[in-house]
Protein backbone atom coordinates (compact mmCIF):
# COMPACT_ATOMS: atom_id res chain seq x y z
CA MET A 1 -20.91 -23.24 -27.95
CA LEU A 2 -23.90 -25.39 -28.72
CA GLU A 3 -23.34 -28.34 -27.67
CA THR A 4 -23.59 -25.99 -24.16
CA PHE A 5 -26.76 -25.06 -24.48
CA PHE A 6 -27.69 -29.12 -25.85
CA ILE A 7 -26.23 -30.24 -22.89
CA GLY A 8 -28.00 -27.70 -20.46
CA LEU A 9 -31.24 -28.32 -21.49
CA VAL A 10 -30.83 -32.43 -21.08
CA VAL A 11 -29.28 -31.72 -17.20
CA SER A 12 -31.71 -29.00 -17.05
CA LEU A 13 -34.62 -30.96 -17.44
CA ILE A 14 -33.47 -34.27 -15.31
CA ILE A 15 -32.99 -32.17 -12.16
CA VAL A 16 -36.42 -31.29 -13.01
CA GLU A 17 -37.47 -34.76 -13.20
CA VAL A 18 -35.85 -36.11 -10.72
CA PHE A 19 -35.89 -33.19 -8.10
CA GLY A 20 -38.55 -31.04 -9.11
CA VAL A 21 -36.96 -28.26 -8.49
CA TRP A 22 -36.76 -25.97 -11.45
CA PRO A 23 -32.85 -24.68 -11.49
CA GLY A 24 -34.37 -20.93 -12.53
CA GLY A 25 -35.52 -22.00 -16.02
CA ILE A 26 -34.52 -24.34 -18.61
CA ILE A 27 -31.49 -22.24 -20.34
CA VAL A 28 -30.62 -19.84 -17.95
CA PRO A 29 -27.56 -23.46 -16.96
CA ALA A 30 -26.49 -23.57 -20.24
CA TYR A 31 -26.35 -19.99 -20.29
CA LEU A 32 -24.29 -19.82 -17.00
CA ALA A 33 -22.09 -22.33 -17.36
CA VAL A 34 -20.88 -20.62 -21.46
CA HIS A 35 -19.51 -17.42 -18.82
CA LEU A 36 -18.56 -19.68 -15.58
CA ASP A 37 -15.06 -18.86 -16.73
CA ARG A 38 -15.92 -15.09 -16.57
CA PRO A 39 -17.47 -15.68 -12.72
CA ALA A 40 -17.44 -11.43 -12.68
CA ARG A 41 -20.34 -12.20 -15.05
CA VAL A 42 -22.15 -14.87 -13.49
CA GLY A 43 -21.75 -13.48 -10.22
CA ALA A 44 -23.35 -10.07 -11.95
CA THR A 45 -26.27 -11.56 -13.72
CA LEU A 46 -27.27 -13.45 -10.09
CA ALA A 47 -27.60 -9.83 -8.36
CA ALA A 48 -29.63 -8.71 -10.66
CA ALA A 49 -31.82 -11.44 -10.63
CA ILE A 50 -31.81 -10.53 -6.66
CA LEU A 51 -32.60 -7.23 -7.66
CA THR A 52 -35.20 -8.21 -9.25
CA LEU A 53 -36.85 -10.48 -7.09
CA ALA A 54 -36.38 -7.29 -4.82
CA VAL A 55 -37.94 -4.76 -6.85
CA TYR A 56 -40.45 -7.38 -7.53
CA LYS A 57 -41.54 -7.86 -3.95
CA ALA A 58 -42.04 -4.12 -3.61
CA LEU A 59 -44.39 -3.93 -6.27
CA ALA A 60 -46.02 -6.46 -5.20
CA ARG A 61 -47.51 -3.96 -2.30
CA TYR A 62 -48.92 -2.50 -3.98
CA PHE A 63 -49.97 -4.14 -7.43
CA ILE A 64 -51.88 -7.56 -7.99
CA LEU A 65 -48.47 -9.77 -9.33
CA PHE A 66 -49.43 -13.67 -10.01
CA GLY A 67 -49.02 -15.78 -12.82
CA LYS A 68 -48.65 -14.40 -16.43
CA ARG A 69 -48.13 -11.55 -14.51
CA ARG A 70 -45.96 -11.56 -12.11
CA PHE A 71 -43.71 -13.87 -15.02
CA VAL A 72 -43.86 -10.30 -17.22
CA ILE A 73 -42.95 -7.90 -14.48
CA MET A 74 -40.01 -10.00 -13.45
CA LEU A 75 -38.37 -9.88 -17.79
CA LEU A 76 -39.52 -6.02 -17.87
CA VAL A 77 -37.50 -5.68 -14.31
CA GLY A 78 -34.81 -7.48 -14.95
CA GLY A 79 -34.40 -6.13 -18.54
CA LEU A 80 -34.83 -2.61 -17.77
CA LEU A 81 -31.87 -3.32 -14.33
CA VAL A 82 -29.50 -5.32 -17.35
CA GLU A 83 -29.95 -1.50 -19.54
CA ALA A 84 -29.84 0.73 -16.17
CA ALA A 85 -26.40 -1.22 -15.46
CA MET A 86 -25.23 -0.61 -19.34
CA LEU A 87 -25.89 2.62 -19.01
CA ILE A 88 -23.85 3.29 -15.29
CA HIS A 89 -21.66 0.15 -15.82
CA PRO A 90 -18.77 2.12 -17.86
CA HIS A 91 -18.12 5.60 -15.49
CA LEU A 92 -17.83 2.74 -12.57
CA PHE A 93 -15.23 0.38 -13.62
CA ALA A 94 -12.68 0.22 -15.76
CA SER A 95 -13.44 -3.06 -17.17
CA PRO A 96 -17.26 -2.46 -17.65
CA LEU A 97 -17.43 -6.14 -20.46
CA GLU A 98 -16.08 -8.47 -17.78
CA MET A 99 -18.75 -6.86 -14.93
CA ARG A 100 -21.93 -7.57 -17.24
CA VAL A 101 -24.67 -8.95 -16.78
CA ILE A 102 -24.61 -12.13 -19.41
CA GLY A 103 -28.41 -11.54 -21.58
CA TRP A 104 -31.26 -9.06 -20.73
CA VAL A 105 -33.80 -12.19 -20.08
CA VAL A 106 -31.87 -14.63 -17.99
CA PRO A 107 -32.09 -12.18 -14.43
CA GLY A 108 -35.80 -12.26 -15.22
CA LEU A 109 -36.26 -15.77 -15.64
CA LEU A 110 -34.13 -16.33 -12.78
CA ALA A 111 -35.84 -14.39 -10.07
CA ASN A 112 -39.63 -15.92 -11.21
CA ASN A 113 -37.77 -19.07 -10.07
CA LEU A 114 -36.46 -17.77 -7.03
CA GLU A 115 -39.74 -16.10 -6.25
CA ARG A 116 -42.04 -19.25 -7.61
CA GLN A 117 -40.34 -21.90 -5.53
CA LYS A 118 -37.92 -22.05 -2.48
CA PHE A 119 -34.82 -19.48 -2.62
CA PHE A 120 -32.27 -21.55 -1.35
CA PRO A 121 -33.10 -24.40 -3.57
CA THR A 122 -32.98 -22.80 -6.72
CA LEU A 123 -29.68 -22.07 -6.28
CA ALA A 124 -28.83 -25.62 -5.30
CA SER A 125 -30.01 -26.86 -7.65
CA LEU A 126 -28.82 -23.85 -10.56
CA VAL A 127 -25.39 -24.37 -9.07
CA ALA A 128 -25.10 -27.97 -9.99
CA ALA A 129 -26.63 -28.10 -13.46
CA VAL A 130 -23.89 -24.62 -14.13
CA ILE A 131 -21.46 -26.96 -12.90
CA LEU A 132 -22.46 -30.31 -14.32
CA THR A 133 -23.43 -28.98 -17.82
CA TYR A 134 -19.65 -26.80 -17.36
CA PHE A 135 -18.14 -29.99 -17.15
CA LEU A 136 -19.87 -32.20 -19.46
CA ALA A 137 -19.31 -29.69 -22.12
CA LYS A 138 -15.71 -29.36 -21.38
CA LEU A 139 -15.81 -33.12 -21.70
CA VAL A 140 -17.43 -33.47 -25.37
CA ALA A 141 -15.25 -30.66 -26.21
CA LEU A 142 -12.54 -33.04 -25.44
CA ILE A 143 -14.23 -36.07 -27.61
């Protein structure tokens, strides 16, 4: 699993250098690649990031949020949404572990990059980085 994180960092860096688009943060693809065999968790994390972005956009109408403030708000909102989901989740679904969001920071990091860059290029680079990281990690595990 540790090699997945190292591979994810390298893949993310290469994508940023070649295409100039951050794949949701430098570490996000590695976290998603580790959990790629549990698509519900990846989907829940993406949903939390998109919801974090929506909450940020609503807050940005009333507050001046840019730079460091934007980043901190994204991390806080993402973390709060994850905590809220963990409190509500066991009452809504029979299998709460399969639909849990990955980490407390990942949704905020991803939402921050979705806001800074265009939405679809960020998601496209994220998907490419996650799939490449996943398969390279599986290849390294075979060796």
